[in-house]
Amino acid sequence: MNTLIVSGGEINLDFLYKYYNDNKNSTIIAVDNGLNALHELNIIPHHIVGDFDSINKETLFLYSNNPNIIIHKYNPEKDYTDTDIAIKLAIDLNSSCINIIGGFGNRIDHLLANIHILMHGLNANIPCYLLDECNKVYLINTTTEIYKSKAYGKYISLIPLTNSVNGLTLTGFKYPLNNYTLPIGVSLGISNEIIDDISTILLSNGILVVIESRD
């Protein structure tokens, strides 16, 4: 079961609508202000999560009486972000894949947190992605293949999430590596490019943030 989380960051409505039409069997979790974007597109979520400090109250009221929607309301003074809670909910729902739209925006602290909480998916062995019209962000800790025909864009950037990523070997890339130790705090892994039909990222230990990007 694919799950779409619509969070409260910046959302390109055309991008969200296209994703929805291409993945109509997804379970949809609206996160606080993300409900406003879904409402504009007449998309009804299955779950609504948040402290509702940024949601349009009239919009929330429209959905609160729908018996097919489960509302999960939390105190604003909670220990975890709404998106964090939504990812955990998606895992509890036995999702096979989790896609998050609205995870980017003006708040850099929220963006960094959203990248870190992708760890929930990694720990549960569930693919978990942050998406917008230009970027696809995910975490890996094992060998991963990227097909050129399916890549999100021209550029592939690799950033350590752990102190270092060891045994890093890149094949099929413009800038290959062989058994390299990539430490945190360097920009070596930015803006690589796929040149073969299949590019492979191998690592012995550590966690990488993978960003597939297009201009």
N, C-alpha and C. Protein backbone atom coordinates (compact mmCIF):
# COMPACT_ATOMS: atom_id res chain seq x y z
N MET A 1 0.84 -1.19 0.00
CA MET A 1 0.00 0.00 0.00
C MET A 1 0.88 1.24 0.00
N ASN A 2 0.76 2.07 -1.02
CA ASN A 2 1.46 3.35 -1.05
C ASN A 2 0.72 4.37 -0.20
N THR A 3 1.47 5.19 0.50
CA THR A 3 0.88 6.24 1.31
C THR A 3 1.45 7.58 0.87
N LEU A 4 0.58 8.54 0.68
CA LEU A 4 0.96 9.91 0.38
C LEU A 4 0.71 10.76 1.61
N ILE A 5 1.76 11.42 2.08
CA ILE A 5 1.63 12.39 3.16
C ILE A 5 1.72 13.79 2.55
N VAL A 6 0.72 14.59 2.76
CA VAL A 6 0.73 15.98 2.27
C VAL A 6 0.96 16.87 3.47
N SER A 7 2.17 17.40 3.57
CA SER A 7 2.57 18.19 4.72
C SER A 7 2.33 19.68 4.46
N GLY A 8 2.75 20.51 5.42
CA GLY A 8 2.35 21.92 5.39
C GLY A 8 3.34 22.88 4.79
N GLY A 9 4.37 22.38 4.08
CA GLY A 9 5.33 23.26 3.45
C GLY A 9 4.85 23.78 2.11
N GLU A 10 5.80 24.20 1.28
CA GLU A 10 5.44 24.72 -0.04
C GLU A 10 4.97 23.57 -0.94
N ILE A 11 3.86 23.79 -1.63
CA ILE A 11 3.28 22.75 -2.48
C ILE A 11 2.92 23.35 -3.83
N ASN A 12 3.45 22.77 -4.88
CA ASN A 12 3.02 23.09 -6.24
C ASN A 12 1.76 22.28 -6.51
N LEU A 13 0.63 22.96 -6.64
CA LEU A 13 -0.64 22.26 -6.76
C LEU A 13 -0.71 21.41 -8.01
N ASP A 14 -0.11 21.87 -9.10
CA ASP A 14 -0.10 21.07 -10.33
C ASP A 14 0.67 19.77 -10.12
N PHE A 15 1.79 19.86 -9.41
CA PHE A 15 2.58 18.66 -9.12
C PHE A 15 1.81 17.70 -8.23
N LEU A 16 1.17 18.23 -7.20
CA LEU A 16 0.38 17.38 -6.29
C LEU A 16 -0.77 16.72 -7.03
N TYR A 17 -1.44 17.46 -7.89
CA TYR A 17 -2.58 16.90 -8.62
C TYR A 17 -2.14 15.80 -9.57
N LYS A 18 -1.00 16.00 -10.24
CA LYS A 18 -0.49 14.97 -11.15
C LYS A 18 -0.11 13.72 -10.36
N TYR A 19 0.56 13.91 -9.21
CA TYR A 19 0.91 12.75 -8.40
C TYR A 19 -0.34 11.99 -7.99
N TYR A 20 -1.35 12.71 -7.55
CA TYR A 20 -2.60 12.08 -7.12
C TYR A 20 -3.23 11.28 -8.25
N ASN A 21 -3.28 11.84 -9.43
CA ASN A 21 -3.89 11.15 -10.56
C ASN A 21 -3.09 9.92 -11.00
N ASP A 22 -1.79 9.98 -10.79
CA ASP A 22 -0.94 8.84 -11.17
C ASP A 22 -0.92 7.75 -10.10
N ASN A 23 -1.41 8.08 -8.90
CA ASN A 23 -1.33 7.14 -7.77
C ASN A 23 -2.64 7.16 -6.98
N LYS A 24 -3.74 6.91 -7.66
CA LYS A 24 -5.06 7.07 -7.03
C LYS A 24 -5.36 6.03 -5.96
N ASN A 25 -4.59 4.97 -5.90
CA ASN A 25 -4.84 3.96 -4.88
C ASN A 25 -4.11 4.24 -3.57
N SER A 26 -3.42 5.38 -3.50
CA SER A 26 -2.66 5.70 -2.30
C SER A 26 -3.57 6.05 -1.14
N THR A 27 -3.14 5.65 0.05
CA THR A 27 -3.74 6.18 1.27
C THR A 27 -3.19 7.58 1.50
N ILE A 28 -4.05 8.53 1.80
CA ILE A 28 -3.63 9.94 1.90
C ILE A 28 -3.73 10.40 3.34
N ILE A 29 -2.61 10.95 3.83
CA ILE A 29 -2.57 11.55 5.16
C ILE A 29 -2.33 13.04 5.00
N ALA A 30 -3.27 13.85 5.43
CA ALA A 30 -3.10 15.31 5.41
C ALA A 30 -2.47 15.75 6.72
N VAL A 31 -1.43 16.54 6.62
CA VAL A 31 -0.73 17.03 7.81
C VAL A 31 -1.03 18.52 7.96
N ASP A 32 -1.85 18.84 8.95
CA ASP A 32 -2.16 20.23 9.29
C ASP A 32 -2.46 21.06 8.03
N ASN A 33 -1.62 22.06 7.73
CA ASN A 33 -1.88 22.97 6.62
C ASN A 33 -1.92 22.27 5.27
N GLY A 34 -1.39 21.05 5.19
CA GLY A 34 -1.47 20.30 3.94
C GLY A 34 -2.90 20.03 3.52
N LEU A 35 -3.82 20.02 4.49
CA LEU A 35 -5.23 19.81 4.16
C LEU A 35 -5.76 20.92 3.28
N ASN A 36 -5.26 22.14 3.45
CA ASN A 36 -5.73 23.25 2.63
C ASN A 36 -5.42 23.01 1.16
N ALA A 37 -4.22 22.47 0.87
CA ALA A 37 -3.86 22.18 -0.52
C ALA A 37 -4.74 21.08 -1.09
N LEU A 38 -5.00 20.03 -0.32
CA LEU A 38 -5.88 18.96 -0.78
C LEU A 38 -7.28 19.49 -1.04
N HIS A 39 -7.74 20.37 -0.17
CA HIS A 39 -9.09 20.94 -0.32
C HIS A 39 -9.20 21.73 -1.62
N GLU A 40 -8.15 22.48 -1.96
CA GLU A 40 -8.17 23.25 -3.21
C GLU A 40 -8.31 22.36 -4.43
N LEU A 41 -7.81 21.13 -4.31
CA LEU A 41 -7.85 20.19 -5.44
C LEU A 41 -9.00 19.20 -5.32
N ASN A 42 -9.86 19.39 -4.32
CA ASN A 42 -11.00 18.48 -4.09
C ASN A 42 -10.55 17.03 -3.89
N ILE A 43 -9.44 16.86 -3.19
CA ILE A 43 -8.93 15.53 -2.86
C ILE A 43 -9.24 15.26 -1.39
N ILE A 44 -9.91 14.17 -1.12
CA ILE A 44 -10.32 13.85 0.25
C ILE A 44 -9.30 12.90 0.88
N PRO A 45 -8.70 13.27 2.00
CA PRO A 45 -7.73 12.39 2.66
C PRO A 45 -8.42 11.29 3.47
N HIS A 46 -7.65 10.28 3.84
CA HIS A 46 -8.14 9.22 4.71
C HIS A 46 -7.86 9.53 6.18
N HIS A 47 -6.79 10.29 6.41
CA HIS A 47 -6.41 10.68 7.77
C HIS A 47 -6.01 12.15 7.77
N ILE A 48 -6.28 12.84 8.86
CA ILE A 48 -5.82 14.21 9.07
C ILE A 48 -5.06 14.22 10.39
N VAL A 49 -3.81 14.71 10.34
CA VAL A 49 -2.92 14.67 11.50
C VAL A 49 -2.42 16.07 11.81
N GLY A 50 -2.33 16.42 13.10
CA GLY A 50 -1.68 17.67 13.45
C GLY A 50 -2.21 18.30 14.71
N ASP A 51 -1.58 19.44 15.04
CA ASP A 51 -2.09 20.23 16.15
C ASP A 51 -3.05 21.31 15.66
N PHE A 52 -3.14 21.42 14.33
CA PHE A 52 -4.10 22.31 13.66
C PHE A 52 -3.89 23.78 14.02
N ASP A 53 -2.62 24.16 14.17
CA ASP A 53 -2.32 25.55 14.48
C ASP A 53 -2.21 26.40 13.22
N SER A 54 -2.09 25.76 12.04
CA SER A 54 -1.94 26.52 10.81
C SER A 54 -3.01 26.18 9.77
N ILE A 55 -3.96 25.36 10.15
CA ILE A 55 -4.98 24.92 9.20
C ILE A 55 -6.14 25.90 9.19
N ASN A 56 -6.78 26.00 8.04
CA ASN A 56 -8.00 26.80 7.94
C ASN A 56 -9.11 26.08 8.72
N LYS A 57 -9.60 26.72 9.76
CA LYS A 57 -10.57 26.07 10.65
C LYS A 57 -11.86 25.71 9.93
N GLU A 58 -12.27 26.54 8.98
CA GLU A 58 -13.48 26.22 8.22
C GLU A 58 -13.27 24.99 7.36
N THR A 59 -12.06 24.88 6.80
CA THR A 59 -11.75 23.69 6.00
C THR A 59 -11.75 22.44 6.87
N LEU A 60 -11.14 22.53 8.03
CA LEU A 60 -11.11 21.39 8.95
C LEU A 60 -12.52 20.97 9.34
N PHE A 61 -13.39 21.94 9.58
CA PHE A 61 -14.77 21.64 9.97
C PHE A 61 -15.50 20.87 8.86
N LEU A 62 -15.20 21.20 7.60
CA LEU A 62 -15.85 20.52 6.48
C LEU A 62 -15.56 19.02 6.48
N TYR A 63 -14.36 18.66 6.95
CA TYR A 63 -13.96 17.25 6.92
C TYR A 63 -14.21 16.53 8.24
N SER A 64 -14.46 17.29 9.30
CA SER A 64 -14.55 16.67 10.62
C SER A 64 -15.77 15.78 10.80
N ASN A 65 -16.80 15.98 9.99
CA ASN A 65 -18.02 15.17 10.10
C ASN A 65 -18.08 14.03 9.09
N ASN A 66 -16.98 13.85 8.34
CA ASN A 66 -16.94 12.76 7.36
C ASN A 66 -16.53 11.47 8.08
N PRO A 67 -17.41 10.47 8.13
CA PRO A 67 -17.09 9.23 8.86
C PRO A 67 -15.97 8.42 8.24
N ASN A 68 -15.60 8.74 7.00
CA ASN A 68 -14.54 8.01 6.32
C ASN A 68 -13.15 8.60 6.58
N ILE A 69 -13.11 9.70 7.33
CA ILE A 69 -11.84 10.36 7.63
C ILE A 69 -11.54 10.21 9.11
N ILE A 70 -10.33 9.78 9.43
CA ILE A 70 -9.89 9.67 10.82
C ILE A 70 -9.05 10.88 11.16
N ILE A 71 -9.42 11.60 12.20
CA ILE A 71 -8.70 12.81 12.61
C ILE A 71 -7.86 12.49 13.84
N HIS A 72 -6.58 12.84 13.76
CA HIS A 72 -5.64 12.63 14.85
C HIS A 72 -5.17 14.01 15.32
N LYS A 73 -5.73 14.49 16.41
CA LYS A 73 -5.40 15.83 16.90
C LYS A 73 -4.43 15.74 18.07
N TYR A 74 -3.41 16.63 18.04
CA TYR A 74 -2.37 16.62 19.07
C TYR A 74 -2.22 18.01 19.68
N ASN A 75 -1.73 18.03 20.89
CA ASN A 75 -1.44 19.28 21.58
C ASN A 75 -0.29 20.00 20.86
N PRO A 76 -0.40 21.32 20.63
CA PRO A 76 0.71 22.04 19.97
C PRO A 76 2.04 21.92 20.71
N GLU A 77 2.00 21.73 22.03
CA GLU A 77 3.23 21.60 22.81
C GLU A 77 3.63 20.13 22.91
N LYS A 78 3.87 19.53 21.75
CA LYS A 78 4.23 18.11 21.69
C LYS A 78 5.71 17.98 21.39
N ASP A 79 6.21 16.76 21.52
CA ASP A 79 7.64 16.51 21.35
C ASP A 79 8.05 16.27 19.91
N TYR A 80 7.11 16.00 19.03
CA TYR A 80 7.43 15.64 17.65
C TYR A 80 6.66 16.51 16.68
N THR A 81 7.24 16.70 15.48
CA THR A 81 6.55 17.48 14.46
C THR A 81 5.37 16.68 13.91
N ASP A 82 4.45 17.39 13.28
CA ASP A 82 3.29 16.73 12.69
C ASP A 82 3.71 15.74 11.60
N THR A 83 4.73 16.10 10.82
CA THR A 83 5.17 15.20 9.76
C THR A 83 5.81 13.95 10.34
N ASP A 84 6.54 14.10 11.43
CA ASP A 84 7.11 12.95 12.14
C ASP A 84 6.00 11.99 12.54
N ILE A 85 4.96 12.52 13.14
CA ILE A 85 3.82 11.70 13.58
C ILE A 85 3.15 11.03 12.39
N ALA A 86 3.06 11.76 11.27
CA ALA A 86 2.41 11.20 10.08
C ALA A 86 3.21 10.03 9.50
N ILE A 87 4.54 10.13 9.50
CA ILE A 87 5.36 9.02 9.01
C ILE A 87 5.16 7.79 9.88
N LYS A 88 5.16 7.98 11.19
CA LYS A 88 4.93 6.85 12.10
C LYS A 88 3.55 6.24 11.87
N LEU A 89 2.55 7.08 11.62
CA LEU A 89 1.22 6.56 11.31
C LEU A 89 1.25 5.74 10.02
N ALA A 90 1.93 6.24 9.00
CA ALA A 90 2.02 5.52 7.73
C ALA A 90 2.68 4.16 7.92
N ILE A 91 3.68 4.09 8.78
CA ILE A 91 4.33 2.81 9.07
C ILE A 91 3.36 1.88 9.79
N ASP A 92 2.62 2.42 10.76
CA ASP A 92 1.63 1.61 11.48
C ASP A 92 0.53 1.09 10.56
N LEU A 93 0.27 1.81 9.47
CA LEU A 93 -0.74 1.38 8.50
C LEU A 93 -0.20 0.33 7.52
N ASN A 94 1.03 -0.13 7.76
CA ASN A 94 1.68 -1.14 6.91
C ASN A 94 1.88 -0.66 5.48
N SER A 95 2.32 0.58 5.35
CA SER A 95 2.62 1.12 4.03
C SER A 95 3.79 0.37 3.42
N SER A 96 3.74 0.20 2.11
CA SER A 96 4.87 -0.39 1.39
C SER A 96 5.81 0.68 0.86
N CYS A 97 5.30 1.90 0.74
CA CYS A 97 6.09 3.04 0.26
C CYS A 97 5.43 4.31 0.79
N ILE A 98 6.25 5.27 1.22
CA ILE A 98 5.74 6.53 1.76
C ILE A 98 6.32 7.68 0.96
N ASN A 99 5.46 8.50 0.39
CA ASN A 99 5.88 9.69 -0.34
C ASN A 99 5.34 10.92 0.37
N ILE A 100 6.21 11.91 0.55
CA ILE A 100 5.85 13.12 1.28
C ILE A 100 5.94 14.32 0.35
N ILE A 101 4.84 15.00 0.16
CA ILE A 101 4.79 16.25 -0.60
C ILE A 101 4.46 17.37 0.38
N GLY A 102 5.16 18.49 0.25
CA GLY A 102 4.98 19.58 1.20
C GLY A 102 6.00 19.54 2.31
N GLY A 103 7.08 18.80 2.11
CA GLY A 103 8.13 18.70 3.12
C GLY A 103 9.23 19.74 2.96
N PHE A 104 9.15 20.53 1.87
CA PHE A 104 10.11 21.61 1.64
C PHE A 104 9.41 22.95 1.91
N GLY A 105 10.20 23.99 2.14
CA GLY A 105 9.58 25.29 2.37
C GLY A 105 10.57 26.30 2.92
N ASN A 106 10.05 27.40 3.44
CA ASN A 106 10.90 28.48 3.94
C ASN A 106 11.63 28.12 5.23
N ARG A 107 11.07 27.22 6.02
CA ARG A 107 11.65 26.87 7.31
C ARG A 107 12.73 25.80 7.14
N ILE A 108 13.99 26.22 7.18
CA ILE A 108 15.09 25.29 7.00
C ILE A 108 15.13 24.27 8.13
N ASP A 109 14.73 24.68 9.34
CA ASP A 109 14.73 23.73 10.45
C ASP A 109 13.77 22.58 10.18
N HIS A 110 12.61 22.89 9.61
CA HIS A 110 11.66 21.83 9.28
C HIS A 110 12.19 20.93 8.16
N LEU A 111 12.85 21.54 7.17
CA LEU A 111 13.41 20.74 6.08
C LEU A 111 14.46 19.77 6.60
N LEU A 112 15.37 20.27 7.44
CA LEU A 112 16.40 19.39 7.99
C LEU A 112 15.77 18.29 8.84
N ALA A 113 14.77 18.66 9.64
CA ALA A 113 14.09 17.64 10.44
C ALA A 113 13.42 16.61 9.55
N ASN A 114 12.81 17.05 8.46
CA ASN A 114 12.11 16.13 7.57
C ASN A 114 13.09 15.14 6.92
N ILE A 115 14.29 15.60 6.62
CA ILE A 115 15.30 14.67 6.08
C ILE A 115 15.69 13.65 7.15
N HIS A 116 15.87 14.11 8.37
CA HIS A 116 16.29 13.21 9.45
C HIS A 116 15.20 12.19 9.80
N ILE A 117 13.94 12.60 9.77
CA ILE A 117 12.89 11.66 10.16
C ILE A 117 12.57 10.64 9.06
N LEU A 118 13.22 10.78 7.91
CA LEU A 118 13.15 9.68 6.94
C LEU A 118 13.77 8.42 7.52
N MET A 119 14.52 8.57 8.62
CA MET A 119 15.08 7.41 9.31
C MET A 119 14.01 6.44 9.76
N HIS A 120 12.81 6.93 10.06
CA HIS A 120 11.73 6.02 10.46
C HIS A 120 11.47 4.99 9.36
N GLY A 121 11.42 5.47 8.13
CA GLY A 121 11.22 4.55 7.01
C GLY A 121 12.39 3.62 6.81
N LEU A 122 13.61 4.17 6.92
CA LEU A 122 14.80 3.34 6.74
C LEU A 122 14.85 2.23 7.78
N ASN A 123 14.56 2.57 9.03
CA ASN A 123 14.59 1.58 10.10
C ASN A 123 13.51 0.51 9.94
N ALA A 124 12.41 0.88 9.30
CA ALA A 124 11.31 -0.06 9.09
C ALA A 124 11.41 -0.78 7.74
N ASN A 125 12.49 -0.51 7.00
CA ASN A 125 12.67 -1.09 5.65
C ASN A 125 11.53 -0.73 4.71
N ILE A 126 11.06 0.52 4.84
CA ILE A 126 10.00 1.02 3.97
C ILE A 126 10.55 2.21 3.19
N PRO A 127 10.56 2.18 1.87
CA PRO A 127 11.03 3.34 1.10
C PRO A 127 10.23 4.59 1.48
N CYS A 128 10.95 5.67 1.74
CA CYS A 128 10.31 6.90 2.21
C CYS A 128 10.98 8.07 1.49
N TYR A 129 10.19 8.89 0.81
CA TYR A 129 10.73 9.93 -0.06
C TYR A 129 10.11 11.29 0.24
N LEU A 130 10.95 12.33 0.20
CA LEU A 130 10.48 13.71 0.15
C LEU A 130 10.46 14.13 -1.31
N LEU A 131 9.33 14.66 -1.77
CA LEU A 131 9.18 14.99 -3.19
C LEU A 131 8.71 16.42 -3.37
N ASP A 132 9.26 17.08 -4.39
CA ASP A 132 8.60 18.24 -4.97
C ASP A 132 8.84 18.17 -6.47
N GLU A 133 8.52 19.24 -7.19
CA GLU A 133 8.61 19.17 -8.65
C GLU A 133 10.05 19.07 -9.15
N CYS A 134 11.05 19.35 -8.30
CA CYS A 134 12.45 19.33 -8.73
C CYS A 134 13.32 18.34 -7.99
N ASN A 135 12.86 17.80 -6.87
CA ASN A 135 13.74 17.00 -6.02
C ASN A 135 13.06 15.75 -5.48
N LYS A 136 13.86 14.70 -5.34
CA LYS A 136 13.46 13.47 -4.68
C LYS A 136 14.56 13.14 -3.68
N VAL A 137 14.22 13.09 -2.39
CA VAL A 137 15.21 12.92 -1.33
C VAL A 137 14.89 11.65 -0.55
N TYR A 138 15.92 10.83 -0.29
CA TYR A 138 15.72 9.62 0.48
C TYR A 138 17.03 9.20 1.13
N LEU A 139 16.97 8.24 2.03
CA LEU A 139 18.14 7.75 2.74
C LEU A 139 18.44 6.32 2.30
N ILE A 140 19.73 5.99 2.27
CA ILE A 140 20.12 4.61 1.98
C ILE A 140 21.23 4.18 2.93
N ASN A 141 21.28 2.90 3.23
CA ASN A 141 22.38 2.33 4.03
C ASN A 141 22.85 1.01 3.45
N THR A 142 22.48 0.76 2.20
CA THR A 142 22.86 -0.48 1.54
C THR A 142 22.97 -0.23 0.04
N THR A 143 23.43 -1.21 -0.70
CA THR A 143 23.61 -1.06 -2.14
C THR A 143 22.31 -0.65 -2.81
N THR A 144 22.41 0.36 -3.67
CA THR A 144 21.22 0.92 -4.33
C THR A 144 21.52 1.16 -5.80
N GLU A 145 20.59 0.76 -6.66
CA GLU A 145 20.71 1.02 -8.09
C GLU A 145 19.77 2.13 -8.50
N ILE A 146 20.25 2.99 -9.38
CA ILE A 146 19.41 4.06 -9.94
C ILE A 146 19.38 3.89 -11.45
N TYR A 147 18.19 3.71 -11.98
CA TYR A 147 18.03 3.55 -13.42
C TYR A 147 17.93 4.93 -14.08
N LYS A 148 18.75 5.14 -15.08
CA LYS A 148 18.78 6.45 -15.75
C LYS A 148 17.42 6.84 -16.28
N SER A 149 16.68 5.86 -16.80
CA SER A 149 15.37 6.13 -17.40
C SER A 149 14.32 6.52 -16.36
N LYS A 150 14.58 6.15 -15.09
CA LYS A 150 13.62 6.44 -14.03
C LYS A 150 14.10 7.50 -13.05
N ALA A 151 15.31 8.00 -13.26
CA ALA A 151 15.87 8.99 -12.33
C ALA A 151 15.02 10.26 -12.35
N TYR A 152 14.95 10.92 -11.22
CA TYR A 152 14.10 12.10 -11.07
C TYR A 152 14.63 13.28 -11.86
N GLY A 153 15.95 13.29 -12.06
CA GLY A 153 16.57 14.39 -12.80
C GLY A 153 17.99 14.05 -13.18
N LYS A 154 18.68 15.03 -13.69
CA LYS A 154 20.03 14.84 -14.21
C LYS A 154 21.05 14.64 -13.10
N TYR A 155 20.82 15.25 -11.95
CA TYR A 155 21.83 15.30 -10.91
C TYR A 155 21.53 14.34 -9.76
N ILE A 156 22.59 13.71 -9.26
CA ILE A 156 22.50 12.85 -8.08
C ILE A 156 23.51 13.38 -7.06
N SER A 157 23.03 13.77 -5.89
CA SER A 157 23.92 14.23 -4.85
C SER A 157 23.87 13.27 -3.67
N LEU A 158 25.05 13.05 -3.07
CA LEU A 158 25.19 12.11 -1.95
C LEU A 158 25.81 12.86 -0.78
N ILE A 159 25.09 12.90 0.35
CA ILE A 159 25.55 13.63 1.53
C ILE A 159 25.50 12.69 2.73
N PRO A 160 26.60 12.53 3.45
CA PRO A 160 26.57 11.64 4.63
C PRO A 160 25.62 12.17 5.70
N LEU A 161 24.83 11.28 6.25
CA LEU A 161 24.00 11.62 7.41
C LEU A 161 24.71 11.20 8.69
N THR A 162 25.59 10.21 8.58
CA THR A 162 26.40 9.75 9.69
C THR A 162 27.78 10.42 9.63
N ASN A 163 28.61 10.21 10.64
CA ASN A 163 29.93 10.85 10.67
C ASN A 163 30.74 10.57 9.41
N SER A 164 30.57 9.39 8.87
CA SER A 164 31.22 9.05 7.61
C SER A 164 30.44 7.92 6.96
N VAL A 165 30.63 7.78 5.66
CA VAL A 165 30.11 6.63 4.92
C VAL A 165 31.33 5.92 4.35
N ASN A 166 31.49 4.66 4.73
CA ASN A 166 32.71 3.92 4.40
C ASN A 166 32.47 2.92 3.27
N GLY A 167 33.56 2.64 2.55
CA GLY A 167 33.49 1.68 1.46
C GLY A 167 32.60 2.15 0.33
N LEU A 168 32.54 3.46 0.11
CA LEU A 168 31.64 4.01 -0.91
C LEU A 168 32.22 3.80 -2.31
N THR A 169 31.48 3.07 -3.12
CA THR A 169 31.88 2.81 -4.50
C THR A 169 30.74 3.21 -5.42
N LEU A 170 31.06 4.05 -6.41
CA LEU A 170 30.06 4.52 -7.37
C LEU A 170 30.44 4.04 -8.76
N THR A 171 29.53 3.34 -9.41
CA THR A 171 29.74 2.91 -10.79
C THR A 171 28.60 3.43 -11.65
N GLY A 172 28.91 3.73 -12.91
CA GLY A 172 27.90 4.25 -13.82
C GLY A 172 27.65 5.73 -13.66
N PHE A 173 28.50 6.40 -12.88
CA PHE A 173 28.40 7.84 -12.67
C PHE A 173 29.51 8.57 -13.42
N LYS A 174 29.27 9.85 -13.68
CA LYS A 174 30.28 10.69 -14.32
C LYS A 174 31.53 10.77 -13.45
N TYR A 175 31.33 10.83 -12.14
CA TYR A 175 32.45 10.90 -11.20
C TYR A 175 32.41 9.66 -10.31
N PRO A 176 33.13 8.61 -10.68
CA PRO A 176 33.09 7.36 -9.92
C PRO A 176 33.94 7.46 -8.65
N LEU A 177 33.70 6.55 -7.73
CA LEU A 177 34.51 6.39 -6.53
C LEU A 177 34.76 4.90 -6.32
N ASN A 178 35.85 4.59 -5.65
CA ASN A 178 36.17 3.19 -5.37
C ASN A 178 36.60 3.04 -3.91
N ASN A 179 35.76 2.38 -3.13
CA ASN A 179 36.06 2.08 -1.73
C ASN A 179 36.50 3.34 -0.97
N TYR A 180 35.73 4.40 -1.12
CA TYR A 180 36.08 5.71 -0.59
C TYR A 180 35.38 5.93 0.76
N THR A 181 36.06 6.64 1.66
CA THR A 181 35.45 7.06 2.91
C THR A 181 35.01 8.52 2.76
N LEU A 182 33.69 8.73 2.77
CA LEU A 182 33.14 10.08 2.60
C LEU A 182 32.75 10.62 3.96
N PRO A 183 33.48 11.61 4.47
CA PRO A 183 33.17 12.13 5.81
C PRO A 183 32.06 13.18 5.75
N ILE A 184 31.40 13.37 6.87
CA ILE A 184 30.43 14.43 6.96
C ILE A 184 31.17 15.77 6.91
N GLY A 185 30.53 16.78 6.32
CA GLY A 185 31.12 18.11 6.30
C GLY A 185 31.91 18.45 5.06
N VAL A 186 31.81 17.62 4.01
CA VAL A 186 32.46 17.93 2.74
C VAL A 186 31.41 17.90 1.63
N SER A 187 31.73 18.55 0.51
CA SER A 187 30.75 18.68 -0.58
C SER A 187 31.09 17.82 -1.79
N LEU A 188 31.97 16.85 -1.60
CA LEU A 188 32.43 16.02 -2.72
C LEU A 188 31.27 15.34 -3.46
N GLY A 189 30.23 14.96 -2.73
CA GLY A 189 29.16 14.17 -3.34
C GLY A 189 28.09 14.96 -4.06
N ILE A 190 28.27 16.26 -4.20
CA ILE A 190 27.23 17.10 -4.80
C ILE A 190 27.29 17.07 -6.33
N SER A 191 26.13 16.98 -6.94
CA SER A 191 25.94 17.15 -8.39
C SER A 191 26.73 16.16 -9.23
N ASN A 192 26.68 14.87 -8.87
CA ASN A 192 27.16 13.84 -9.76
C ASN A 192 26.11 13.62 -10.84
N GLU A 193 26.45 12.84 -11.85
CA GLU A 193 25.51 12.59 -12.95
C GLU A 193 25.56 11.13 -13.36
N ILE A 194 24.41 10.60 -13.74
CA ILE A 194 24.32 9.23 -14.23
C ILE A 194 24.74 9.21 -15.70
N ILE A 195 25.65 8.28 -16.04
CA ILE A 195 26.06 8.18 -17.45
C ILE A 195 25.72 6.83 -18.06
N ASP A 196 25.51 5.81 -17.22
CA ASP A 196 25.14 4.48 -17.73
C ASP A 196 23.64 4.26 -17.52
N ASP A 197 23.10 3.24 -18.15
CA ASP A 197 21.68 2.93 -17.98
C ASP A 197 21.35 2.64 -16.52
N ILE A 198 22.28 2.01 -15.82
CA ILE A 198 22.10 1.72 -14.40
C ILE A 198 23.35 2.19 -13.67
N SER A 199 23.15 3.01 -12.67
CA SER A 199 24.24 3.44 -11.81
C SER A 199 24.07 2.79 -10.44
N THR A 200 25.18 2.44 -9.82
CA THR A 200 25.13 1.71 -8.55
C THR A 200 25.89 2.44 -7.47
N ILE A 201 25.26 2.51 -6.29
CA ILE A 201 25.90 3.06 -5.09
C ILE A 201 26.11 1.90 -4.13
N LEU A 202 27.36 1.60 -3.82
CA LEU A 202 27.69 0.56 -2.84
C LEU A 202 28.34 1.22 -1.63
N LEU A 203 28.04 0.72 -0.43
CA LEU A 203 28.68 1.21 0.77
C LEU A 203 28.74 0.09 1.79
N SER A 204 29.77 0.12 2.63
CA SER A 204 29.92 -0.93 3.63
C SER A 204 29.22 -0.57 4.93
N ASN A 205 29.25 0.71 5.31
CA ASN A 205 28.47 1.15 6.46
C ASN A 205 28.29 2.66 6.43
N GLY A 206 27.31 3.13 7.19
CA GLY A 206 26.96 4.54 7.19
C GLY A 206 25.63 4.76 6.50
N ILE A 207 25.17 6.00 6.53
CA ILE A 207 23.88 6.37 5.93
C ILE A 207 24.10 7.58 5.02
N LEU A 208 23.57 7.48 3.82
CA LEU A 208 23.66 8.56 2.84
C LEU A 208 22.30 9.20 2.61
N VAL A 209 22.30 10.53 2.51
CA VAL A 209 21.16 11.25 1.96
C VAL A 209 21.36 11.28 0.44
N VAL A 210 20.40 10.74 -0.30
CA VAL A 210 20.45 10.76 -1.77
C VAL A 210 19.44 11.79 -2.26
N ILE A 211 19.91 12.68 -3.12
CA ILE A 211 19.04 13.70 -3.69
C ILE A 211 19.10 13.60 -5.20
N GLU A 212 18.00 13.21 -5.82
CA GLU A 212 17.88 13.22 -7.27
C GLU A 212 17.20 14.53 -7.64
N SER A 213 17.88 15.33 -8.48
CA SER A 213 17.40 16.70 -8.74
C SER A 213 17.37 17.02 -10.21
N ARG A 214 16.48 17.95 -10.55
CA ARG A 214 16.45 18.55 -11.88
C ARG A 214 16.27 20.06 -11.71
N ASP A 215 16.78 20.81 -12.67
CA ASP A 215 16.67 22.28 -12.61
C ASP A 215 15.24 22.71 -12.93
